[in-house]
Amino acid sequence: MHAHADPPAVTTDHADAELAPDEPHTPAWLTLLGGVLFLGGIVTFVALRPPAKTANELQKEAVTAANERAAARAAEQAALAPAQPQPQAPGQEQPGGGAAPKRGG
């Protein structure tokens, strides 16, 4: 078996994070430029988006779609329903090609 060494202790000393005395600080104008560019990008993105549809336009589209669906369902049910023969008036030709038989004769 191998003996594991204890992990190094975590330090909370932030002396390493500070700048060295001879290192220059970030100029304030550079931070300001970054903020302005970021906000300008957001404003440009929002301004150039296509306009959204209004509630009336969305409602009209919904009604049109519902009507189309209803018409499609009706057509589908009509296509699936068995064709019922139309009642023939006396004296008209029958679908078989012959004339209707005459009564009383």
Protein backbone atom coordinates (compact mmCIF):
# COMPACT_ATOMS: atom_id res chain seq x y z
CA MET A 1 0.00 0.00 0.00
CA HIS A 2 1.08 3.49 -0.77
CA ALA A 3 0.82 6.20 1.78
CA HIS A 4 -0.86 9.33 0.50
CA ALA A 5 0.43 12.68 1.52
CA ASP A 6 -1.98 15.19 2.96
CA PRO A 7 -3.23 17.73 0.39
CA PRO A 8 -1.68 21.16 0.69
CA ALA A 9 -3.54 23.52 2.95
CA VAL A 10 -5.76 26.09 1.22
CA THR A 11 -4.74 29.60 2.00
CA THR A 12 -6.99 32.61 2.02
CA ASP A 13 -4.11 35.03 1.62
CA HIS A 14 -4.77 37.09 -1.54
CA ALA A 15 -1.36 38.68 -1.65
CA ASP A 16 -0.70 36.91 -4.97
CA ALA A 17 -3.75 38.54 -6.57
CA GLU A 18 -2.54 42.08 -6.01
CA LEU A 19 -0.51 43.92 -8.60
CA ALA A 20 3.17 44.39 -8.15
CA PRO A 21 4.10 47.95 -7.24
CA ASP A 22 5.81 48.51 -10.59
CA GLU A 23 2.92 47.11 -12.70
CA PRO A 24 0.57 49.70 -14.27
CA HIS A 25 -3.13 49.77 -13.41
CA THR A 26 -5.82 49.45 -16.08
CA PRO A 27 -6.80 52.92 -17.26
CA ALA A 28 -10.36 53.96 -16.39
CA TRP A 29 -11.13 54.89 -20.00
CA LEU A 30 -10.51 51.28 -21.10
CA THR A 31 -13.09 49.98 -18.62
CA LEU A 32 -15.50 52.69 -19.72
CA LEU A 33 -14.92 51.83 -23.40
CA GLY A 34 -15.72 48.17 -22.70
CA GLY A 35 -18.97 49.10 -20.95
CA VAL A 36 -20.03 51.43 -23.76
CA LEU A 37 -19.29 48.82 -26.43
CA PHE A 38 -21.22 46.18 -24.50
CA LEU A 39 -24.28 48.39 -24.01
CA GLY A 40 -24.07 49.59 -27.61
CA GLY A 41 -24.13 45.98 -28.80
CA ILE A 42 -27.20 45.23 -26.72
CA VAL A 43 -29.04 48.32 -27.98
CA THR A 44 -28.12 47.49 -31.59
CA PHE A 45 -29.33 43.91 -31.19
CA VAL A 46 -32.67 45.02 -29.78
CA ALA A 47 -33.11 47.82 -32.33
CA LEU A 48 -32.42 45.63 -35.38
CA ARG A 49 -34.75 42.78 -34.43
CA PRO A 50 -37.75 42.35 -36.74
CA PRO A 51 -40.98 43.72 -35.30
CA ALA A 52 -43.07 41.23 -33.37
CA LYS A 53 -46.61 40.38 -34.39
CA THR A 54 -49.44 42.10 -32.58
CA ALA A 55 -52.12 40.24 -30.66
CA ASN A 56 -54.65 40.92 -33.44
CA GLU A 57 -52.36 39.42 -36.08
CA LEU A 58 -51.76 36.35 -33.96
CA GLN A 59 -55.48 35.95 -33.33
CA LYS A 60 -56.28 36.21 -37.07
CA GLU A 61 -53.68 33.53 -37.82
CA ALA A 62 -55.11 31.27 -35.13
CA VAL A 63 -58.66 31.64 -36.49
CA THR A 64 -57.47 30.95 -40.04
CA ALA A 65 -55.56 27.87 -38.92
CA ALA A 66 -58.58 26.59 -36.96
CA ASN A 67 -60.85 27.06 -39.99
CA GLU A 68 -58.38 25.23 -42.23
CA ARG A 69 -58.16 22.36 -39.74
CA ALA A 70 -61.96 22.12 -39.53
CA ALA A 71 -62.26 22.08 -43.33
CA ALA A 72 -59.58 19.40 -43.58
CA ARG A 73 -61.36 17.25 -40.98
CA ALA A 74 -64.69 17.64 -42.77
CA ALA A 75 -63.10 16.67 -46.09
CA GLU A 76 -61.41 13.68 -44.48
CA GLN A 77 -64.66 12.49 -42.88
CA ALA A 78 -66.51 12.97 -46.18
CA ALA A 79 -63.87 10.90 -47.97
CA LEU A 80 -64.06 8.12 -45.38
CA ALA A 81 -67.87 8.01 -45.20
CA PRO A 82 -69.49 5.45 -47.52
CA ALA A 83 -71.15 7.03 -50.52
CA GLN A 84 -74.91 6.86 -50.13
CA PRO A 85 -76.95 6.65 -53.34
CA GLN A 86 -79.08 9.67 -54.10
CA PRO A 87 -82.82 8.88 -54.08
CA GLN A 88 -84.17 8.81 -57.63
CA ALA A 89 -87.46 10.36 -58.59
CA PRO A 90 -89.93 8.04 -60.36
CA GLY A 91 -89.45 8.03 -64.11
CA GLN A 92 -85.73 8.91 -64.01
CA GLU A 93 -83.11 6.54 -65.28
CA GLN A 94 -81.61 4.25 -62.70
CA PRO A 95 -77.84 4.21 -62.25
CA GLY A 96 -77.78 0.79 -63.96
CA GLY A 97 -78.68 2.45 -67.28
CA GLY A 98 -82.23 1.20 -67.64
CA ALA A 99 -85.43 3.22 -67.35
CA ALA A 100 -87.58 2.91 -64.26
CA PRO A 101 -90.23 0.22 -64.61
CA LYS A 102 -93.69 1.55 -65.29
CA ARG A 103 -96.53 0.48 -63.05
CA GLY A 104 -99.96 -0.71 -63.97
CA GLY A 105 -99.66 -1.99 -67.27
